[in-house]
Structure formats: structure tokens, C-alpha cells
Amino acid sequence: MERVLVIGSPGAGKSTFAAAIARRTGLPLVHLDQHYWRAGWIEPDAATWLRQVEGLAAGERWVMDGNYGGTLSPRLERADTVLWLDFPMWLCLARIVRRSLVHHGRTRPAMAEGCPERLSWKFLFHTARFPWNSRHRVVAKLAGFRGTLVHLRRPRDAARWLAGLA
């Protein structure tokens, strides 16, 4: 396990889970949100972002978290392990609300500097639609993955898997 990709719906806990894996394994941690966003919630253009992700994925060892479906293929090509946090939508929404309340107005640890946490109806709506709008694309891309795929459907499953790393 040298290149671990953590994926899942917004609010599934990808960043927290990836950080725990990095602590237990010593793998370098890559939070894609820290690389994607610019101060003030400015997004990069698609070509620049793809090149940046390809560069990050080219590393020999990492644990990387984040969605960014347009860059899933190059990350899957390099990953040897994928951990898919496929949690219920209601749980992801509740976690986003909690995260927004806890970190409101401050930049949370897994986010780029200058991007303070905020609760956005647009983001909540995106998360609520994730199972219908994005999940099938993830499933299709994972079908061709040749490494180890761990499909975790409940936080309890993720905790058990993580405990097995100790």
C-alpha cells in the first residue's frame, strides 16, 4: 500500500480518514482541496488542474483524498489502493452542516488558505444529488481499477478497516 486514494461523497469524511491513514502508515498526505482552491474560493481552469493532479499523482508514495471527478482517471492509474467511503446521503449532509458550524469563518485544516468555511445551499444541494448525479460515474471508473478496492458503506466499517492498520 504505497498510493492510497480516498474517495466518496462530500461530507463522507475523506480528509479525516486520509489523515488517519497517513498518521498510521507514514505516507505523505495530499488533500486535493488544498491544491485546487485559491484564496477567496477561486477555481483553476480545467487544464491547469489536470496537470497539477497528474503531478501530484506521479509521486511514489501518498494518501490522497478528494473527489474532482474530472481527474479521477489519472489518480486511479497511479493508485494501488482505493478506499471508497460510500456513506448515506443524510449522514454526509449532517456532517457538512456540523463541519460548517464548527469551522464557520475559519479555514479548516484540509482546505486551502483563504477559503473560510461557510454553509452553502448550493453545496448542500450538490451533496444531496451526489448519489444520483455522480455515483454512477464513480462506479464506472472503478470497474476498470486493477488495484485493491475497499468499499466502505458505513462509518463503523471505515473505523474497523482503519483499526486493522495498527
C-alpha atoms as a PDB file:
ATOM      1  CA  MET A   1       0.000   0.000   0.000  1.00  0.00           C
ATOM      2  CA  GLU A   2       2.025   2.927  -1.346  1.00  0.00           C
ATOM      3  CA  ARG A   3      -0.505   5.116  -3.200  1.00  0.00           C
ATOM      4  CA  VAL A   4      -3.882   5.253  -1.484  1.00  0.00           C
ATOM      5  CA  LEU A   5      -6.830   7.150  -2.917  1.00  0.00           C
ATOM      6  CA  VAL A   6      -9.747   8.056  -0.615  1.00  0.00           C
ATOM      7  CA  ILE A   7     -12.936   8.965  -2.478  1.00  0.00           C
ATOM      8  CA  GLY A   8     -16.582   9.478  -1.598  1.00  0.00           C
ATOM      9  CA  SER A   9     -19.417  11.946  -1.396  1.00  0.00           C
ATOM     10  CA  PRO A  10     -18.818  15.406   0.018  1.00  0.00           C
ATOM     11  CA  GLY A  11     -19.109  15.158   3.789  1.00  0.00           C
ATOM     12  CA  ALA A  12     -18.222  11.454   3.914  1.00  0.00           C
ATOM     13  CA  GLY A  13     -15.081  12.187   5.928  1.00  0.00           C
ATOM     14  CA  LYS A  14     -12.456  11.688   3.226  1.00  0.00           C
ATOM     15  CA  SER A  15      -9.998  14.230   4.633  1.00  0.00           C
ATOM     16  CA  THR A  16     -10.256  12.948   8.198  1.00  0.00           C
ATOM     17  CA  PHE A  17      -9.933   9.328   7.065  1.00  0.00           C
ATOM     18  CA  ALA A  18      -6.967  10.093   4.790  1.00  0.00           C
ATOM     19  CA  ALA A  19      -5.203  11.973   7.607  1.00  0.00           C
ATOM     20  CA  ALA A  20      -5.674   8.985   9.924  1.00  0.00           C
ATOM     21  CA  ILE A  21      -4.221   6.655   7.282  1.00  0.00           C
ATOM     22  CA  ALA A  22      -1.250   8.976   6.791  1.00  0.00           C
ATOM     23  CA  ARG A  23      -0.567   9.061  10.549  1.00  0.00           C
ATOM     24  CA  ARG A  24      -0.668   5.269  10.804  1.00  0.00           C
ATOM     25  CA  THR A  25       1.322   4.466   7.675  1.00  0.00           C
ATOM     26  CA  GLY A  26       3.710   7.400   7.357  1.00  0.00           C
ATOM     27  CA  LEU A  27       2.507   8.020   3.798  1.00  0.00           C
ATOM     28  CA  PRO A  28       2.642  11.665   2.678  1.00  0.00           C
ATOM     29  CA  LEU A  29      -0.824  13.247   2.850  1.00  0.00           C
ATOM     30  CA  VAL A  30      -2.289  15.092  -0.138  1.00  0.00           C
ATOM     31  CA  HIS A  31      -5.568  16.944   0.423  1.00  0.00           C
ATOM     32  CA  LEU A  32      -6.736  17.851  -3.092  1.00  0.00           C
ATOM     33  CA  ASP A  33      -8.833  20.733  -1.726  1.00  0.00           C
ATOM     34  CA  GLN A  34      -5.606  22.429  -0.608  1.00  0.00           C
ATOM     35  CA  HIS A  35      -4.279  22.279  -4.159  1.00  0.00           C
ATOM     36  CA  TYR A  36      -7.493  23.029  -6.049  1.00  0.00           C
ATOM     37  CA  TRP A  37      -8.794  26.175  -4.376  1.00  0.00           C
ATOM     38  CA  ARG A  38      -7.125  29.592  -4.400  1.00  0.00           C
ATOM     39  CA  ALA A  39      -7.777  32.204  -1.729  1.00  0.00           C
ATOM     40  CA  GLY A  40     -11.320  33.514  -1.982  1.00  0.00           C
ATOM     41  CA  TRP A  41     -12.659  30.213  -3.322  1.00  0.00           C
ATOM     42  CA  ILE A  42     -11.170  30.775  -6.803  1.00  0.00           C
ATOM     43  CA  GLU A  43     -11.139  27.683  -9.037  1.00  0.00           C
ATOM     44  CA  PRO A  44      -8.335  26.876 -11.508  1.00  0.00           C
ATOM     45  CA  ASP A  45      -9.066  26.214 -15.158  1.00  0.00           C
ATOM     46  CA  ALA A  46      -9.574  22.545 -16.038  1.00  0.00           C
ATOM     47  CA  ALA A  47      -6.327  22.054 -17.988  1.00  0.00           C
ATOM     48  CA  THR A  48      -4.175  23.577 -15.250  1.00  0.00           C
ATOM     49  CA  TRP A  49      -5.919  21.477 -12.610  1.00  0.00           C
ATOM     50  CA  LEU A  50      -5.466  18.258 -14.589  1.00  0.00           C
ATOM     51  CA  ARG A  51      -1.719  18.917 -14.975  1.00  0.00           C
ATOM     52  CA  GLN A  52      -1.438  19.660 -11.269  1.00  0.00           C
ATOM     53  CA  VAL A  53      -3.234  16.446 -10.277  1.00  0.00           C
ATOM     54  CA  GLU A  54      -1.100  14.407 -12.679  1.00  0.00           C
ATOM     55  CA  GLY A  55       1.965  15.889 -10.998  1.00  0.00           C
ATOM     56  CA  LEU A  56       0.669  15.067  -7.522  1.00  0.00           C
ATOM     57  CA  ALA A  57      -0.279  11.530  -8.551  1.00  0.00           C
ATOM     58  CA  ALA A  58       3.177  10.975 -10.069  1.00  0.00           C
ATOM     59  CA  GLY A  59       4.639  10.777  -6.566  1.00  0.00           C
ATOM     60  CA  GLU A  60       5.925   7.390  -5.435  1.00  0.00           C
ATOM     61  CA  ARG A  61       4.028   7.329  -2.134  1.00  0.00           C
ATOM     62  CA  TRP A  62       0.910   9.159  -0.966  1.00  0.00           C
ATOM     63  CA  VAL A  63      -2.522   9.036   0.533  1.00  0.00           C
ATOM     64  CA  MET A  64      -4.741  11.402  -1.431  1.00  0.00           C
ATOM     65  CA  ASP A  65      -8.289  12.480  -0.696  1.00  0.00           C
ATOM     66  CA  GLY A  66     -10.828  14.321  -2.780  1.00  0.00           C
ATOM     67  CA  ASN A  67     -13.467  13.958  -5.440  1.00  0.00           C
ATOM     68  CA  TYR A  68     -12.860  16.115  -8.526  1.00  0.00           C
ATOM     69  CA  GLY A  69     -14.345  13.572 -10.922  1.00  0.00           C
ATOM     70  CA  GLY A  70     -12.647  15.114 -13.943  1.00  0.00           C
ATOM     71  CA  THR A  71      -9.294  13.999 -12.541  1.00  0.00           C
ATOM     72  CA  LEU A  72     -10.283  10.601 -11.166  1.00  0.00           C
ATOM     73  CA  SER A  73      -8.788   8.634 -14.081  1.00  0.00           C
ATOM     74  CA  PRO A  74      -5.162   9.787 -13.677  1.00  0.00           C
ATOM     75  CA  ARG A  75      -5.386   9.218  -9.922  1.00  0.00           C
ATOM     76  CA  LEU A  76      -6.780   5.707 -10.422  1.00  0.00           C
ATOM     77  CA  GLU A  77      -3.994   4.922 -12.896  1.00  0.00           C
ATOM     78  CA  ARG A  78      -1.400   5.596 -10.194  1.00  0.00           C
ATOM     79  CA  ALA A  79      -3.215   4.343  -7.086  1.00  0.00           C
ATOM     80  CA  ASP A  80      -2.623   0.844  -5.786  1.00  0.00           C
ATOM     81  CA  THR A  81      -5.455   1.085  -3.243  1.00  0.00           C
ATOM     82  CA  VAL A  82      -8.813   2.880  -3.359  1.00  0.00           C
ATOM     83  CA  LEU A  83     -10.910   3.394  -0.257  1.00  0.00           C
ATOM     84  CA  TRP A  84     -14.434   4.373  -1.227  1.00  0.00           C
ATOM     85  CA  LEU A  85     -16.445   5.977   1.573  1.00  0.00           C
ATOM     86  CA  ASP A  86     -19.910   5.284   0.178  1.00  0.00           C
ATOM     87  CA  PHE A  87     -21.963   6.559   3.103  1.00  0.00           C
ATOM     88  CA  PRO A  88     -25.661   7.506   3.244  1.00  0.00           C
ATOM     89  CA  MET A  89     -26.502  10.931   1.863  1.00  0.00           C
ATOM     90  CA  TRP A  90     -28.274  12.030   5.079  1.00  0.00           C
ATOM     91  CA  LEU A  91     -25.097  11.345   7.071  1.00  0.00           C
ATOM     92  CA  CYS A  92     -22.932  13.322   4.635  1.00  0.00           C
ATOM     93  CA  LEU A  93     -25.343  16.270   4.782  1.00  0.00           C
ATOM     94  CA  ALA A  94     -25.355  16.209   8.592  1.00  0.00           C
ATOM     95  CA  ARG A  95     -21.553  16.139   8.655  1.00  0.00           C
ATOM     96  CA  ILE A  96     -21.350  19.118   6.301  1.00  0.00           C
ATOM     97  CA  VAL A  97     -23.693  21.142   8.494  1.00  0.00           C
ATOM     98  CA  ARG A  98     -21.702  20.203  11.608  1.00  0.00           C
ATOM     99  CA  ARG A  99     -18.388  20.976   9.902  1.00  0.00           C
ATOM    100  CA  SER A 100     -19.713  24.346   8.753  1.00  0.00           C
ATOM    101  CA  LEU A 101     -20.836  25.245  12.263  1.00  0.00           C
ATOM    102  CA  VAL A 102     -17.590  24.129  13.912  1.00  0.00           C
ATOM    103  CA  HIS A 103     -15.277  25.874  11.429  1.00  0.00           C
ATOM    104  CA  HIS A 104     -17.527  28.754  10.300  1.00  0.00           C
ATOM    105  CA  GLY A 105     -15.468  31.713   9.108  1.00  0.00           C
ATOM    106  CA  ARG A 106     -12.159  29.866   9.549  1.00  0.00           C
ATOM    107  CA  THR A 107     -10.130  27.799   7.134  1.00  0.00           C
ATOM    108  CA  ARG A 108     -10.313  24.162   8.192  1.00  0.00           C
ATOM    109  CA  PRO A 109      -7.115  22.086   8.181  1.00  0.00           C
ATOM    110  CA  ALA A 110      -7.741  20.191   4.918  1.00  0.00           C
ATOM    111  CA  MET A 111      -8.693  23.313   2.932  1.00  0.00           C
ATOM    112  CA  ALA A 112      -6.612  25.869   1.044  1.00  0.00           C
ATOM    113  CA  GLU A 113      -5.639  29.042   2.880  1.00  0.00           C
ATOM    114  CA  GLY A 114      -8.007  31.933   2.327  1.00  0.00           C
ATOM    115  CA  CYS A 115     -11.053  29.689   1.925  1.00  0.00           C
ATOM    116  CA  PRO A 116     -13.020  30.085   5.151  1.00  0.00           C
ATOM    117  CA  GLU A 117     -15.688  27.510   5.901  1.00  0.00           C
ATOM    118  CA  ARG A 118     -19.224  28.527   5.022  1.00  0.00           C
ATOM    119  CA  LEU A 119     -22.568  26.815   4.707  1.00  0.00           C
ATOM    120  CA  SER A 120     -23.799  26.971   1.146  1.00  0.00           C
ATOM    121  CA  TRP A 121     -27.187  25.830  -0.113  1.00  0.00           C
ATOM    122  CA  LYS A 122     -25.552  25.129  -3.465  1.00  0.00           C
ATOM    123  CA  PHE A 123     -23.043  22.755  -1.838  1.00  0.00           C
ATOM    124  CA  LEU A 124     -25.748  21.057   0.235  1.00  0.00           C
ATOM    125  CA  PHE A 125     -27.824  20.583  -2.925  1.00  0.00           C
ATOM    126  CA  HIS A 126     -24.779  19.177  -4.761  1.00  0.00           C
ATOM    127  CA  THR A 127     -24.196  16.736  -1.902  1.00  0.00           C
ATOM    128  CA  ALA A 128     -27.861  15.698  -1.795  1.00  0.00           C
ATOM    129  CA  ARG A 129     -27.743  14.931  -5.538  1.00  0.00           C
ATOM    130  CA  PHE A 130     -24.361  13.163  -5.427  1.00  0.00           C
ATOM    131  CA  PRO A 131     -25.847   9.631  -5.223  1.00  0.00           C
ATOM    132  CA  TRP A 132     -27.879  10.256  -8.396  1.00  0.00           C
ATOM    133  CA  ASN A 133     -25.606  12.607 -10.351  1.00  0.00           C
ATOM    134  CA  SER A 134     -22.094  11.365  -9.628  1.00  0.00           C
ATOM    135  CA  ARG A 135     -22.109   7.933  -8.036  1.00  0.00           C
ATOM    136  CA  HIS A 136     -22.703   6.049 -11.318  1.00  0.00           C
ATOM    137  CA  ARG A 137     -19.635   7.744 -12.851  1.00  0.00           C
ATOM    138  CA  VAL A 138     -17.519   6.674  -9.886  1.00  0.00           C
ATOM    139  CA  VAL A 139     -18.808   3.096 -10.204  1.00  0.00           C
ATOM    140  CA  ALA A 140     -17.993   3.068 -13.937  1.00  0.00           C
ATOM    141  CA  LYS A 141     -14.440   4.314 -13.404  1.00  0.00           C
ATOM    142  CA  LEU A 142     -13.819   1.914 -10.529  1.00  0.00           C
ATOM    143  CA  ALA A 143     -14.875  -1.013 -12.742  1.00  0.00           C
ATOM    144  CA  GLY A 144     -11.552  -0.781 -14.563  1.00  0.00           C
ATOM    145  CA  PHE A 145      -9.399  -0.311 -11.458  1.00  0.00           C
ATOM    146  CA  ARG A 146      -6.804  -3.075 -11.120  1.00  0.00           C
ATOM    147  CA  GLY A 147      -5.623  -2.465  -7.560  1.00  0.00           C
ATOM    148  CA  THR A 148      -7.205  -3.100  -4.183  1.00  0.00           C
ATOM    149  CA  LEU A 149     -10.680  -1.591  -3.852  1.00  0.00           C
ATOM    150  CA  VAL A 150     -12.193  -1.293  -0.386  1.00  0.00           C
ATOM    151  CA  HIS A 151     -15.856  -0.272  -0.498  1.00  0.00           C
ATOM    152  CA  LEU A 152     -16.888   1.080   2.913  1.00  0.00           C
ATOM    153  CA  ARG A 153     -20.611   1.709   3.326  1.00  0.00           C
ATOM    154  CA  ARG A 154     -20.789   2.760   6.976  1.00  0.00           C
ATOM    155  CA  PRO A 155     -18.530   4.750   9.320  1.00  0.00           C
ATOM    156  CA  ARG A 156     -18.287   1.633  11.500  1.00  0.00           C
ATOM    157  CA  ASP A 157     -16.797  -0.263   8.530  1.00  0.00           C
ATOM    158  CA  ALA A 158     -14.269   2.516   7.969  1.00  0.00           C
ATOM    159  CA  ALA A 159     -13.302   2.502  11.659  1.00  0.00           C
ATOM    160  CA  ARG A 160     -12.786  -1.274  11.573  1.00  0.00           C
ATOM    161  CA  TRP A 161     -10.659  -1.036   8.442  1.00  0.00           C
ATOM    162  CA  LEU A 162      -8.560   1.726   9.990  1.00  0.00           C
ATOM    163  CA  ALA A 163      -8.128  -0.254  13.221  1.00  0.00           C
ATOM    164  CA  GLY A 164      -6.712  -3.071  11.105  1.00  0.00           C
ATOM    165  CA  LEU A 165      -3.824  -0.816  10.040  1.00  0.00           C
ATOM    166  CA  ALA A 166      -2.492  -0.552  13.602  1.00  0.00           C
END
